[in-house]
Amino acid sequence: MEKDLEIIKQVVAFLDDRKAEDLVAIDLRQHSNIADYFIIATGANKPHLKALYDGLQRLFKDAGFKGYHKEGVPDSGWMIMDYNGVMVHIFERELREFYDLEKLWKDAPALELEGGE
């Protein structure tokens, strides 16, 4: 868990620094077997989504986080990166509102984020 929280802290700091909007982290450990944590963020537009996604790939690589998986492309409006159960979802606003992961997982507790709110 401690390693997960360090990853979450780095990802949230990166996304916050790059002006991602509405950052949320959810603890799914007691609620799901698909992931331990979700980090959810909104990008302003497709170029911003691409910059966030590319930057996260660099962050994972530079931090030595090997074995992460990624899905989606900026044009889809929703991209996911998964690193050992920490799933990062980057959305365009309309798709985030449509899929509403926060409502879907409303019983899971949100993590307090430093600088991400």
PDB file of N, CA and C in Angstrom:
ATOM      1  N   MET A   1       0.822  -1.199   0.000  1.00  0.00           N
ATOM      2  CA  MET A   1       0.000   0.000   0.000  1.00  0.00           C
ATOM      3  C   MET A   1       0.861   1.255   0.000  1.00  0.00           C
ATOM      4  N   GLU A   2       1.963   1.236   0.759  1.00  0.00           N
ATOM      5  CA  GLU A   2       2.818   2.412   0.832  1.00  0.00           C
ATOM      6  C   GLU A   2       3.384   2.775  -0.543  1.00  0.00           C
ATOM      7  N   LYS A   3       3.784   1.746  -1.301  1.00  0.00           N
ATOM      8  CA  LYS A   3       4.289   1.992  -2.651  1.00  0.00           C
ATOM      9  C   LYS A   3       3.178   2.564  -3.537  1.00  0.00           C
ATOM     10  N   ASP A   4       1.955   2.029  -3.396  1.00  0.00           N
ATOM     11  CA  ASP A   4       0.824   2.563  -4.153  1.00  0.00           C
ATOM     12  C   ASP A   4       0.604   4.034  -3.847  1.00  0.00           C
ATOM     13  N   LEU A   5       0.673   4.395  -2.569  1.00  0.00           N
ATOM     14  CA  LEU A   5       0.443   5.791  -2.195  1.00  0.00           C
ATOM     15  C   LEU A   5       1.529   6.703  -2.746  1.00  0.00           C
ATOM     16  N   GLU A   6       2.757   6.203  -2.845  1.00  0.00           N
ATOM     17  CA  GLU A   6       3.829   6.999  -3.447  1.00  0.00           C
ATOM     18  C   GLU A   6       3.562   7.210  -4.937  1.00  0.00           C
ATOM     19  N   ILE A   7       3.123   6.180  -5.621  1.00  0.00           N
ATOM     20  CA  ILE A   7       2.780   6.300  -7.039  1.00  0.00           C
ATOM     21  C   ILE A   7       1.637   7.302  -7.205  1.00  0.00           C
ATOM     22  N   ILE A   8       0.602   7.150  -6.380  1.00  0.00           N
ATOM     23  CA  ILE A   8      -0.547   8.061  -6.451  1.00  0.00           C
ATOM     24  C   ILE A   8      -0.093   9.505  -6.237  1.00  0.00           C
ATOM     25  N   LYS A   9       0.750   9.712  -5.239  1.00  0.00           N
ATOM     26  CA  LYS A   9       1.247  11.063  -4.939  1.00  0.00           C
ATOM     27  C   LYS A   9       1.996  11.652  -6.143  1.00  0.00           C
ATOM     28  N   GLN A  10       2.848  10.861  -6.778  1.00  0.00           N
ATOM     29  CA  GLN A  10       3.600  11.349  -7.935  1.00  0.00           C
ATOM     30  C   GLN A  10       2.681  11.645  -9.120  1.00  0.00           C
ATOM     31  N   VAL A  11       1.727  10.753  -9.372  1.00  0.00           N
ATOM     32  CA  VAL A  11       0.813  10.945 -10.501  1.00  0.00           C
ATOM     33  C   VAL A  11      -0.053  12.182 -10.273  1.00  0.00           C
ATOM     34  N   VAL A  12      -0.606  12.316  -9.078  1.00  0.00           N
ATOM     35  CA  VAL A  12      -1.467  13.468  -8.780  1.00  0.00           C
ATOM     36  C   VAL A  12      -0.670  14.770  -8.880  1.00  0.00           C
ATOM     37  N   ALA A  13       0.554  14.784  -8.352  1.00  0.00           N
ATOM     38  CA  ALA A  13       1.386  15.991  -8.446  1.00  0.00           C
ATOM     39  C   ALA A  13       1.662  16.337  -9.907  1.00  0.00           C
ATOM     40  N   PHE A  14       1.973  15.323 -10.717  1.00  0.00           N
ATOM     41  CA  PHE A  14       2.221  15.551 -12.142  1.00  0.00           C
ATOM     42  C   PHE A  14       0.975  16.136 -12.811  1.00  0.00           C
ATOM     43  N   LEU A  15      -0.171  15.496 -12.606  1.00  0.00           N
ATOM     44  CA  LEU A  15      -1.404  15.957 -13.252  1.00  0.00           C
ATOM     45  C   LEU A  15      -1.789  17.355 -12.784  1.00  0.00           C
ATOM     46  N   ASP A  16      -1.620  17.619 -11.501  1.00  0.00           N
ATOM     47  CA  ASP A  16      -1.934  18.952 -10.968  1.00  0.00           C
ATOM     48  C   ASP A  16      -1.014  20.011 -11.578  1.00  0.00           C
ATOM     49  N   ASP A  17       0.273  19.708 -11.666  1.00  0.00           N
ATOM     50  CA  ASP A  17       1.236  20.637 -12.268  1.00  0.00           C
ATOM     51  C   ASP A  17       0.917  20.925 -13.727  1.00  0.00           C
ATOM     52  N   ARG A  18       0.336  19.941 -14.413  1.00  0.00           N
ATOM     53  CA  ARG A  18       0.033  20.083 -15.847  1.00  0.00           C
ATOM     54  C   ARG A  18      -1.401  20.541 -16.093  1.00  0.00           C
ATOM     55  N   LYS A  19      -2.040  21.070 -15.036  1.00  0.00           N
ATOM     56  CA  LYS A  19      -3.369  21.703 -15.150  1.00  0.00           C
ATOM     57  C   LYS A  19      -4.488  20.741 -15.501  1.00  0.00           C
ATOM     58  N   ALA A  20      -4.359  19.446 -15.137  1.00  0.00           N
ATOM     59  CA  ALA A  20      -5.501  18.541 -15.254  1.00  0.00           C
ATOM     60  C   ALA A  20      -6.567  19.036 -14.277  1.00  0.00           C
ATOM     61  N   GLU A  21      -7.815  18.832 -14.627  1.00  0.00           N
ATOM     62  CA  GLU A  21      -8.915  19.359 -13.818  1.00  0.00           C
ATOM     63  C   GLU A  21      -9.601  18.249 -13.041  1.00  0.00           C
ATOM     64  N   ASP A  22     -10.233  18.652 -11.936  1.00  0.00           N
ATOM     65  CA  ASP A  22     -11.098  17.760 -11.147  1.00  0.00           C
ATOM     66  C   ASP A  22     -10.423  16.447 -10.788  1.00  0.00           C
ATOM     67  N   LEU A  23      -9.245  16.538 -10.208  1.00  0.00           N
ATOM     68  CA  LEU A  23      -8.508  15.338  -9.809  1.00  0.00           C
ATOM     69  C   LEU A  23      -9.196  14.636  -8.640  1.00  0.00           C
ATOM     70  N   VAL A  24      -9.355  13.335  -8.790  1.00  0.00           N
ATOM     71  CA  VAL A  24      -9.967  12.500  -7.757  1.00  0.00           C
ATOM     72  C   VAL A  24      -9.171  11.203  -7.678  1.00  0.00           C
ATOM     73  N   ALA A  25      -8.965  10.715  -6.474  1.00  0.00           N
ATOM     74  CA  ALA A  25      -8.372   9.381  -6.273  1.00  0.00           C
ATOM     75  C   ALA A  25      -9.320   8.592  -5.380  1.00  0.00           C
ATOM     76  N   ILE A  26      -9.605   7.361  -5.780  1.00  0.00           N
ATOM     77  CA  ILE A  26     -10.569   6.528  -5.090  1.00  0.00           C
ATOM     78  C   ILE A  26      -9.894   5.231  -4.653  1.00  0.00           C
ATOM     79  N   ASP A  27     -10.131   4.843  -3.419  1.00  0.00           N
ATOM     80  CA  ASP A  27      -9.597   3.607  -2.858  1.00  0.00           C
ATOM     81  C   ASP A  27     -10.615   2.491  -3.109  1.00  0.00           C
ATOM     82  N   LEU A  28     -10.290   1.595  -4.024  1.00  0.00           N
ATOM     83  CA  LEU A  28     -11.202   0.516  -4.415  1.00  0.00           C
ATOM     84  C   LEU A  28     -10.883  -0.820  -3.766  1.00  0.00           C
ATOM     85  N   ARG A  29      -9.910  -0.851  -2.883  1.00  0.00           N
ATOM     86  CA  ARG A  29      -9.430  -2.140  -2.365  1.00  0.00           C
ATOM     87  C   ARG A  29     -10.535  -2.999  -1.749  1.00  0.00           C
ATOM     88  N   GLN A  30     -11.508  -2.397  -1.112  1.00  0.00           N
ATOM     89  CA  GLN A  30     -12.588  -3.167  -0.494  1.00  0.00           C
ATOM     90  C   GLN A  30     -13.809  -3.313  -1.399  1.00  0.00           C
ATOM     91  N   HIS A  31     -13.726  -2.766  -2.629  1.00  0.00           N
ATOM     92  CA  HIS A  31     -14.911  -2.690  -3.479  1.00  0.00           C
ATOM     93  C   HIS A  31     -14.758  -3.324  -4.858  1.00  0.00           C
ATOM     94  N   SER A  32     -13.553  -3.683  -5.238  1.00  0.00           N
ATOM     95  CA  SER A  32     -13.347  -4.147  -6.609  1.00  0.00           C
ATOM     96  C   SER A  32     -12.152  -5.084  -6.688  1.00  0.00           C
ATOM     97  N   ASN A  33     -12.182  -5.952  -7.692  1.00  0.00           N
ATOM     98  CA  ASN A  33     -11.001  -6.766  -7.957  1.00  0.00           C
ATOM     99  C   ASN A  33     -10.338  -6.351  -9.271  1.00  0.00           C
ATOM    100  N   ILE A  34     -10.816  -5.272  -9.894  1.00  0.00           N
ATOM    101  CA  ILE A  34     -10.193  -4.811 -11.143  1.00  0.00           C
ATOM    102  C   ILE A  34      -9.039  -3.845 -10.901  1.00  0.00           C
ATOM    103  N   ALA A  35      -9.052  -3.164  -9.758  1.00  0.00           N
ATOM    104  CA  ALA A  35      -7.987  -2.213  -9.427  1.00  0.00           C
ATOM    105  C   ALA A  35      -8.025  -1.935  -7.935  1.00  0.00           C
ATOM    106  N   ASP A  36      -6.894  -1.486  -7.398  1.00  0.00           N
ATOM    107  CA  ASP A  36      -6.849  -1.062  -6.001  1.00  0.00           C
ATOM    108  C   ASP A  36      -7.225   0.402  -5.854  1.00  0.00           C
ATOM    109  N   TYR A  37      -6.808   1.201  -6.832  1.00  0.00           N
ATOM    110  CA  TYR A  37      -7.076   2.641  -6.789  1.00  0.00           C
ATOM    111  C   TYR A  37      -7.395   3.139  -8.195  1.00  0.00           C
ATOM    112  N   PHE A  38      -8.254   4.130  -8.270  1.00  0.00           N
ATOM    113  CA  PHE A  38      -8.475   4.903  -9.492  1.00  0.00           C
ATOM    114  C   PHE A  38      -7.997   6.318  -9.230  1.00  0.00           C
ATOM    115  N   ILE A  39      -7.308   6.881 -10.195  1.00  0.00           N
ATOM    116  CA  ILE A  39      -7.060   8.321 -10.241  1.00  0.00           C
ATOM    117  C   ILE A  39      -7.801   8.802 -11.476  1.00  0.00           C
ATOM    118  N   ILE A  40      -8.636   9.816 -11.317  1.00  0.00           N
ATOM    119  CA  ILE A  40      -9.460  10.303 -12.411  1.00  0.00           C
ATOM    120  C   ILE A  40      -9.158  11.794 -12.602  1.00  0.00           C
ATOM    121  N   ALA A  41      -8.951  12.180 -13.863  1.00  0.00           N
ATOM    122  CA  ALA A  41      -8.645  13.574 -14.169  1.00  0.00           C
ATOM    123  C   ALA A  41      -9.296  13.949 -15.497  1.00  0.00           C
ATOM    124  N   THR A  42      -9.510  15.231 -15.670  1.00  0.00           N
ATOM    125  CA  THR A  42     -10.093  15.757 -16.899  1.00  0.00           C
ATOM    126  C   THR A  42      -9.076  16.647 -17.602  1.00  0.00           C
ATOM    127  N   GLY A  43      -8.951  16.445 -18.914  1.00  0.00           N
ATOM    128  CA  GLY A  43      -8.127  17.314 -19.742  1.00  0.00           C
ATOM    129  C   GLY A  43      -9.002  18.329 -20.458  1.00  0.00           C
ATOM    130  N   ALA A  44      -8.441  19.477 -20.770  1.00  0.00           N
ATOM    131  CA  ALA A  44      -9.207  20.570 -21.361  1.00  0.00           C
ATOM    132  C   ALA A  44      -9.628  20.290 -22.805  1.00  0.00           C
ATOM    133  N   ASN A  45      -8.789  19.553 -23.544  1.00  0.00           N
ATOM    134  CA  ASN A  45      -9.059  19.271 -24.961  1.00  0.00           C
ATOM    135  C   ASN A  45      -8.145  18.129 -25.400  1.00  0.00           C
ATOM    136  N   LYS A  46      -8.253  17.704 -26.644  1.00  0.00           N
ATOM    137  CA  LYS A  46      -7.464  16.555 -27.106  1.00  0.00           C
ATOM    138  C   LYS A  46      -5.951  16.790 -27.025  1.00  0.00           C
ATOM    139  N   PRO A  47      -5.438  17.965 -27.420  1.00  0.00           N
ATOM    140  CA  PRO A  47      -3.991  18.178 -27.255  1.00  0.00           C
ATOM    141  C   PRO A  47      -3.552  18.101 -25.779  1.00  0.00           C
ATOM    142  N   HIS A  48      -4.388  18.621 -24.885  1.00  0.00           N
ATOM    143  CA  HIS A  48      -4.068  18.546 -23.460  1.00  0.00           C
ATOM    144  C   HIS A  48      -4.086  17.092 -22.990  1.00  0.00           C
ATOM    145  N   LEU A  49      -5.076  16.303 -23.437  1.00  0.00           N
ATOM    146  CA  LEU A  49      -5.114  14.876 -23.103  1.00  0.00           C
ATOM    147  C   LEU A  49      -3.841  14.176 -23.559  1.00  0.00           C
ATOM    148  N   LYS A  50      -3.424  14.461 -24.774  1.00  0.00           N
ATOM    149  CA  LYS A  50      -2.213  13.839 -25.320  1.00  0.00           C
ATOM    150  C   LYS A  50      -0.991  14.223 -24.490  1.00  0.00           C
ATOM    151  N   ALA A  51      -0.897  15.493 -24.127  1.00  0.00           N
ATOM    152  CA  ALA A  51       0.242  15.945 -23.317  1.00  0.00           C
ATOM    153  C   ALA A  51       0.247  15.268 -21.948  1.00  0.00           C
ATOM    154  N   LEU A  52      -0.918  15.134 -21.327  1.00  0.00           N
ATOM    155  CA  LEU A  52      -0.995  14.459 -20.031  1.00  0.00           C
ATOM    156  C   LEU A  52      -0.600  12.993 -20.151  1.00  0.00           C
ATOM    157  N   TYR A  53      -1.123  12.335 -21.158  1.00  0.00           N
ATOM    158  CA  TYR A  53      -0.862  10.917 -21.394  1.00  0.00           C
ATOM    159  C   TYR A  53       0.616  10.674 -21.684  1.00  0.00           C
ATOM    160  N   ASP A  54       1.178  11.455 -22.599  1.00  0.00           N
ATOM    161  CA  ASP A  54       2.602  11.311 -22.925  1.00  0.00           C
ATOM    162  C   ASP A  54       3.470  11.600 -21.710  1.00  0.00           C
ATOM    163  N   GLY A  55       3.098  12.627 -20.959  1.00  0.00           N
ATOM    164  CA  GLY A  55       3.863  12.974 -19.765  1.00  0.00           C
ATOM    165  C   GLY A  55       3.819  11.886 -18.706  1.00  0.00           C
ATOM    166  N   LEU A  56       2.658  11.263 -18.539  1.00  0.00           N
ATOM    167  CA  LEU A  56       2.564  10.156 -17.575  1.00  0.00           C
ATOM    168  C   LEU A  56       3.427   8.976 -18.000  1.00  0.00           C
ATOM    169  N   GLN A  57       3.481   8.697 -19.292  1.00  0.00           N
ATOM    170  CA  GLN A  57       4.355   7.619 -19.761  1.00  0.00           C
ATOM    171  C   GLN A  57       5.808   7.930 -19.411  1.00  0.00           C
ATOM    172  N   ARG A  58       6.217   9.182 -19.610  1.00  0.00           N
ATOM    173  CA  ARG A  58       7.588   9.588 -19.241  1.00  0.00           C
ATOM    174  C   ARG A  58       7.796   9.469 -17.732  1.00  0.00           C
ATOM    175  N   LEU A  59       6.807   9.913 -16.962  1.00  0.00           N
ATOM    176  CA  LEU A  59       6.915   9.833 -15.508  1.00  0.00           C
ATOM    177  C   LEU A  59       7.125   8.389 -15.064  1.00  0.00           C
ATOM    178  N   PHE A  60       6.294   7.471 -15.570  1.00  0.00           N
ATOM    179  CA  PHE A  60       6.433   6.067 -15.194  1.00  0.00           C
ATOM    180  C   PHE A  60       7.794   5.530 -15.604  1.00  0.00           C
ATOM    181  N   LYS A  61       8.225   5.851 -16.807  1.00  0.00           N
ATOM    182  CA  LYS A  61       9.520   5.367 -17.295  1.00  0.00           C
ATOM    183  C   LYS A  61      10.662   5.940 -16.451  1.00  0.00           C
ATOM    184  N   ASP A  62      10.641   7.259 -16.243  1.00  0.00           N
ATOM    185  CA  ASP A  62      11.722   7.916 -15.496  1.00  0.00           C
ATOM    186  C   ASP A  62      11.775   7.462 -14.036  1.00  0.00           C
ATOM    187  N   ALA A  63      10.603   7.155 -13.456  1.00  0.00           N
ATOM    188  CA  ALA A  63      10.560   6.712 -12.057  1.00  0.00           C
ATOM    189  C   ALA A  63      10.864   5.225 -11.918  1.00  0.00           C
ATOM    190  N   GLY A  64      11.039   4.550 -13.047  1.00  0.00           N
ATOM    191  CA  GLY A  64      11.364   3.130 -13.000  1.00  0.00           C
ATOM    192  C   GLY A  64      10.165   2.234 -12.741  1.00  0.00           C
ATOM    193  N   PHE A  65       8.964   2.753 -12.990  1.00  0.00           N
ATOM    194  CA  PHE A  65       7.752   1.951 -12.825  1.00  0.00           C
ATOM    195  C   PHE A  65       7.593   1.086 -14.069  1.00  0.00           C
ATOM    196  N   LYS A  66       8.093  -0.131 -13.984  1.00  0.00           N
ATOM    197  CA  LYS A  66       8.044  -1.024 -15.141  1.00  0.00           C
ATOM    198  C   LYS A  66       6.758  -1.844 -15.126  1.00  0.00           C
ATOM    199  N   GLY A  67       6.303  -2.197 -16.300  1.00  0.00           N
ATOM    200  CA  GLY A  67       5.144  -3.060 -16.404  1.00  0.00           C
ATOM    201  C   GLY A  67       3.815  -2.358 -16.392  1.00  0.00           C
ATOM    202  N   TYR A  68       3.789  -1.056 -16.676  1.00  0.00           N
ATOM    203  CA  TYR A  68       2.492  -0.378 -16.742  1.00  0.00           C
ATOM    204  C   TYR A  68       1.854  -0.668 -18.098  1.00  0.00           C
ATOM    205  N   HIS A  69       0.547  -0.609 -18.123  1.00  0.00           N
ATOM    206  CA  HIS A  69      -0.221  -0.846 -19.344  1.00  0.00           C
ATOM    207  C   HIS A  69      -0.997   0.419 -19.682  1.00  0.00           C
ATOM    208  N   LYS A  70      -1.234   0.605 -20.968  1.00  0.00           N
ATOM    209  CA  LYS A  70      -1.976   1.790 -21.378  1.00  0.00           C
ATOM    210  C   LYS A  70      -2.993   1.406 -22.444  1.00  0.00           C
ATOM    211  N   GLU A  71      -4.105   2.121 -22.440  1.00  0.00           N
ATOM    212  CA  GLU A  71      -5.176   1.903 -23.404  1.00  0.00           C
ATOM    213  C   GLU A  71      -5.737   3.251 -23.811  1.00  0.00           C
ATOM    214  N   GLY A  72      -6.189   3.319 -25.055  1.00  0.00           N
ATOM    215  CA  GLY A  72      -6.838   4.529 -25.540  1.00  0.00           C
ATOM    216  C   GLY A  72      -5.873   5.454 -26.248  1.00  0.00           C
ATOM    217  N   VAL A  73      -6.458   6.378 -26.984  1.00  0.00           N
ATOM    218  CA  VAL A  73      -5.704   7.410 -27.693  1.00  0.00           C
ATOM    219  C   VAL A  73      -6.402   8.738 -27.432  1.00  0.00           C
ATOM    220  N   PRO A  74      -5.686   9.849 -27.560  1.00  0.00           N
ATOM    221  CA  PRO A  74      -6.311  11.137 -27.270  1.00  0.00           C
ATOM    222  C   PRO A  74      -7.608  11.385 -28.041  1.00  0.00           C
ATOM    223  N   ASP A  75      -7.668  10.949 -29.292  1.00  0.00           N
ATOM    224  CA  ASP A  75      -8.880  11.184 -30.077  1.00  0.00           C
ATOM    225  C   ASP A  75     -10.100  10.466 -29.521  1.00  0.00           C
ATOM    226  N   SER A  76      -9.897   9.426 -28.710  1.00  0.00           N
ATOM    227  CA  SER A  76     -11.032   8.709 -28.130  1.00  0.00           C
ATOM    228  C   SER A  76     -11.662   9.490 -26.976  1.00  0.00           C
ATOM    229  N   GLY A  77     -10.902  10.410 -26.377  1.00  0.00           N
ATOM    230  CA  GLY A  77     -11.405  11.186 -25.255  1.00  0.00           C
ATOM    231  C   GLY A  77     -11.287  10.502 -23.908  1.00  0.00           C
ATOM    232  N   TRP A  78     -10.740   9.272 -23.880  1.00  0.00           N
ATOM    233  CA  TRP A  78     -10.571   8.552 -22.609  1.00  0.00           C
ATOM    234  C   TRP A  78      -9.355   7.651 -22.736  1.00  0.00           C
ATOM    235  N   MET A  79      -8.395   7.870 -21.875  1.00  0.00           N
ATOM    236  CA  MET A  79      -7.189   7.060 -21.864  1.00  0.00           C
ATOM    237  C   MET A  79      -6.964   6.526 -20.454  1.00  0.00           C
ATOM    238  N   ILE A  80      -6.434   5.319 -20.399  1.00  0.00           N
ATOM    239  CA  ILE A  80      -6.206   4.660 -19.119  1.00  0.00           C
ATOM    240  C   ILE A  80      -4.763   4.173 -19.069  1.00  0.00           C
ATOM    241  N   MET A  81      -4.149   4.367 -17.915  1.00  0.00           N
ATOM    242  CA  MET A  81      -2.845   3.772 -17.631  1.00  0.00           C
ATOM    243  C   MET A  81      -2.992   2.994 -16.334  1.00  0.00           C
ATOM    244  N   ASP A  82      -2.460   1.776 -16.321  1.00  0.00           N
ATOM    245  CA  ASP A  82      -2.565   0.914 -15.146  1.00  0.00           C
ATOM    246  C   ASP A  82      -1.162   0.514 -14.727  1.00  0.00           C
ATOM    247  N   TYR A  83      -0.838   0.807 -13.474  1.00  0.00           N
ATOM    248  CA  TYR A  83       0.436   0.372 -12.928  1.00  0.00           C
ATOM    249  C   TYR A  83       0.171  -0.390 -11.637  1.00  0.00           C
ATOM    250  N   ASN A  84       0.248  -1.698 -11.718  1.00  0.00           N
ATOM    251  CA  ASN A  84       0.087  -2.566 -10.548  1.00  0.00           C
ATOM    252  C   ASN A  84      -1.153  -2.233  -9.721  1.00  0.00           C
ATOM    253  N   GLY A  85      -2.273  -2.039 -10.383  1.00  0.00           N
ATOM    254  CA  GLY A  85      -3.522  -1.806  -9.666  1.00  0.00           C
ATOM    255  C   GLY A  85      -3.862  -0.361  -9.405  1.00  0.00           C
ATOM    256  N   VAL A  86      -2.984   0.551  -9.784  1.00  0.00           N
ATOM    257  CA  VAL A  86      -3.305   1.984  -9.723  1.00  0.00           C
ATOM    258  C   VAL A  86      -3.671   2.390 -11.146  1.00  0.00           C
ATOM    259  N   MET A  87      -4.971   2.599 -11.383  1.00  0.00           N
ATOM    260  CA  MET A  87      -5.440   2.940 -12.726  1.00  0.00           C
ATOM    261  C   MET A  87      -5.673   4.446 -12.821  1.00  0.00           C
ATOM    262  N   VAL A  88      -5.055   5.048 -13.830  1.00  0.00           N
ATOM    263  CA  VAL A  88      -5.193   6.480 -14.071  1.00  0.00           C
ATOM    264  C   VAL A  88      -6.099   6.659 -15.286  1.00  0.00           C
ATOM    265  N   HIS A  89      -7.221   7.329 -15.073  1.00  0.00           N
ATOM    266  CA  HIS A  89      -8.182   7.614 -16.142  1.00  0.00           C
ATOM    267  C   HIS A  89      -8.093   9.093 -16.476  1.00  0.00           C
ATOM    268  N   ILE A  90      -7.838   9.391 -17.749  1.00  0.00           N
ATOM    269  CA  ILE A  90      -7.797  10.780 -18.212  1.00  0.00           C
ATOM    270  C   ILE A  90      -8.910  10.941 -19.246  1.00  0.00           C
ATOM    271  N   PHE A  91      -9.820  11.845 -18.966  1.00  0.00           N
ATOM    272  CA  PHE A  91     -11.014  12.026 -19.785  1.00  0.00           C
ATOM    273  C   PHE A  91     -11.111  13.415 -20.381  1.00  0.00           C
ATOM    274  N   GLU A  92     -11.853  13.515 -21.497  1.00  0.00           N
ATOM    275  CA  GLU A  92     -12.453  14.778 -21.887  1.00  0.00           C
ATOM    276  C   GLU A  92     -13.683  14.957 -21.010  1.00  0.00           C
ATOM    277  N   ARG A  93     -14.076  16.190 -20.760  1.00  0.00           N
ATOM    278  CA  ARG A  93     -15.176  16.470 -19.830  1.00  0.00           C
ATOM    279  C   ARG A  93     -16.459  15.696 -20.171  1.00  0.00           C
ATOM    280  N   GLU A  94     -16.863  15.697 -21.434  1.00  0.00           N
ATOM    281  CA  GLU A  94     -18.134  15.072 -21.804  1.00  0.00           C
ATOM    282  C   GLU A  94     -18.136  13.575 -21.498  1.00  0.00           C
ATOM    283  N   LEU A  95     -17.036  12.900 -21.796  1.00  0.00           N
ATOM    284  CA  LEU A  95     -16.964  11.463 -21.523  1.00  0.00           C
ATOM    285  C   LEU A  95     -16.873  11.181 -20.032  1.00  0.00           C
ATOM    286  N   ARG A  96     -16.181  12.034 -19.302  1.00  0.00           N
ATOM    287  CA  ARG A  96     -16.114  11.835 -17.848  1.00  0.00           C
ATOM    288  C   ARG A  96     -17.508  11.951 -17.244  1.00  0.00           C
ATOM    289  N   GLU A  97     -18.252  12.944 -17.693  1.00  0.00           N
ATOM    290  CA  GLU A  97     -19.615  13.100 -17.183  1.00  0.00           C
ATOM    291  C   GLU A  97     -20.496  11.928 -17.599  1.00  0.00           C
ATOM    292  N   PHE A  98     -20.315  11.430 -18.816  1.00  0.00           N
ATOM    293  CA  PHE A  98     -21.119  10.324 -19.311  1.00  0.00           C
ATOM    294  C   PHE A  98     -20.863   9.044 -18.505  1.00  0.00           C
ATOM    295  N   TYR A  99     -19.591   8.678 -18.328  1.00  0.00           N
ATOM    296  CA  TYR A  99     -19.257   7.435 -17.633  1.00  0.00           C
ATOM    297  C   TYR A  99     -19.326   7.567 -16.112  1.00  0.00           C
ATOM    298  N   ASP A 100     -19.125   8.754 -15.590  1.00  0.00           N
ATOM    299  CA  ASP A 100     -19.309   9.086 -14.177  1.00  0.00           C
ATOM    300  C   ASP A 100     -18.776   8.003 -13.234  1.00  0.00           C
ATOM    301  N   LEU A 101     -17.476   7.738 -13.328  1.00  0.00           N
ATOM    302  CA  LEU A 101     -16.864   6.704 -12.493  1.00  0.00           C
ATOM    303  C   LEU A 101     -17.016   6.991 -11.007  1.00  0.00           C
ATOM    304  N   GLU A 102     -17.019   8.274 -10.640  1.00  0.00           N
ATOM    305  CA  GLU A 102     -17.181   8.614  -9.231  1.00  0.00           C
ATOM    306  C   GLU A 102     -18.533   8.133  -8.709  1.00  0.00           C
ATOM    307  N   LYS A 103     -19.579   8.261  -9.501  1.00  0.00           N
ATOM    308  CA  LYS A 103     -20.899   7.784  -9.081  1.00  0.00           C
ATOM    309  C   LYS A 103     -20.937   6.258  -9.075  1.00  0.00           C
ATOM    310  N   LEU A 104     -20.339   5.652 -10.087  1.00  0.00           N
ATOM    311  CA  LEU A 104     -20.310   4.199 -10.168  1.00  0.00           C
ATOM    312  C   LEU A 104     -19.650   3.584  -8.934  1.00  0.00           C
ATOM    313  N   TRP A 105     -18.599   4.228  -8.460  1.00  0.00           N
ATOM    314  CA  TRP A 105     -17.846   3.734  -7.304  1.00  0.00           C
ATOM    315  C   TRP A 105     -18.082   4.609  -6.076  1.00  0.00           C
ATOM    316  N   LYS A 106     -19.286   5.126  -5.917  1.00  0.00           N
ATOM    317  CA  LYS A 106     -19.592   6.080  -4.842  1.00  0.00           C
ATOM    318  C   LYS A 106     -19.402   5.503  -3.442  1.00  0.00           C
ATOM    319  N   ASP A 107     -19.466   4.178  -3.291  1.00  0.00           N
ATOM    320  CA  ASP A 107     -19.279   3.572  -1.979  1.00  0.00           C
ATOM    321  C   ASP A 107     -17.805   3.446  -1.584  1.00  0.00           C
ATOM    322  N   ALA A 108     -16.914   3.655  -2.525  1.00  0.00           N
ATOM    323  CA  ALA A 108     -15.474   3.579  -2.240  1.00  0.00           C
ATOM    324  C   ALA A 108     -14.991   4.943  -1.744  1.00  0.00           C
ATOM    325  N   PRO A 109     -14.150   4.955  -0.726  1.00  0.00           N
ATOM    326  CA  PRO A 109     -13.698   6.238  -0.176  1.00  0.00           C
ATOM    327  C   PRO A 109     -12.721   6.964  -1.104  1.00  0.00           C
ATOM    328  N   ALA A 110     -12.856   8.274  -1.133  1.00  0.00           N
ATOM    329  CA  ALA A 110     -11.908   9.113  -1.864  1.00  0.00           C
ATOM    330  C   ALA A 110     -10.682   9.352  -0.980  1.00  0.00           C
ATOM    331  N   LEU A 111      -9.533   9.466  -1.612  1.00  0.00           N
ATOM    332  CA  LEU A 111      -8.300   9.787  -0.893  1.00  0.00           C
ATOM    333  C   LEU A 111      -8.158  11.304  -0.821  1.00  0.00           C
ATOM    334  N   GLU A 112      -7.598  11.787   0.261  1.00  0.00           N
ATOM    335  CA  GLU A 112      -7.273  13.214   0.369  1.00  0.00           C
ATOM    336  C   GLU A 112      -6.076  13.484  -0.539  1.00  0.00           C
ATOM    337  N   LEU A 113      -6.215  14.478  -1.398  1.00  0.00           N
ATOM    338  CA  LEU A 113      -5.145  14.807  -2.337  1.00  0.00           C
ATOM    339  C   LEU A 113      -4.511  16.131  -1.951  1.00  0.00           C
ATOM    340  N   GLU A 114      -3.183  16.143  -1.934  1.00  0.00           N
ATOM    341  CA  GLU A 114      -2.455  17.386  -1.671  1.00  0.00           C
ATOM    342  C   GLU A 114      -2.285  18.122  -2.971  1.00  0.00           C
ATOM    343  N   GLY A 115      -2.810  19.314  -3.037  1.00  0.00           N
ATOM    344  CA  GLY A 115      -2.639  20.145  -4.220  1.00  0.00           C
ATOM    345  C   GLY A 115      -3.493  19.727  -5.395  1.00  0.00           C
ATOM    346  N   GLY A 116      -4.258  18.647  -5.282  1.00  0.00           N
ATOM    347  CA  GLY A 116      -5.046  18.171  -6.392  1.00  0.00           C
ATOM    348  C   GLY A 116      -6.486  18.617  -6.357  1.00  0.00           C
ATOM    349  N   GLU A 117      -6.854  19.455  -5.394  1.00  0.00           N
ATOM    350  CA  GLU A 117      -8.253  19.854  -5.304  1.00  0.00           C
ATOM    351  C   GLU A 117      -8.384  21.347  -5.380  1.00  0.00           C
TER     352      GLU A 117
END
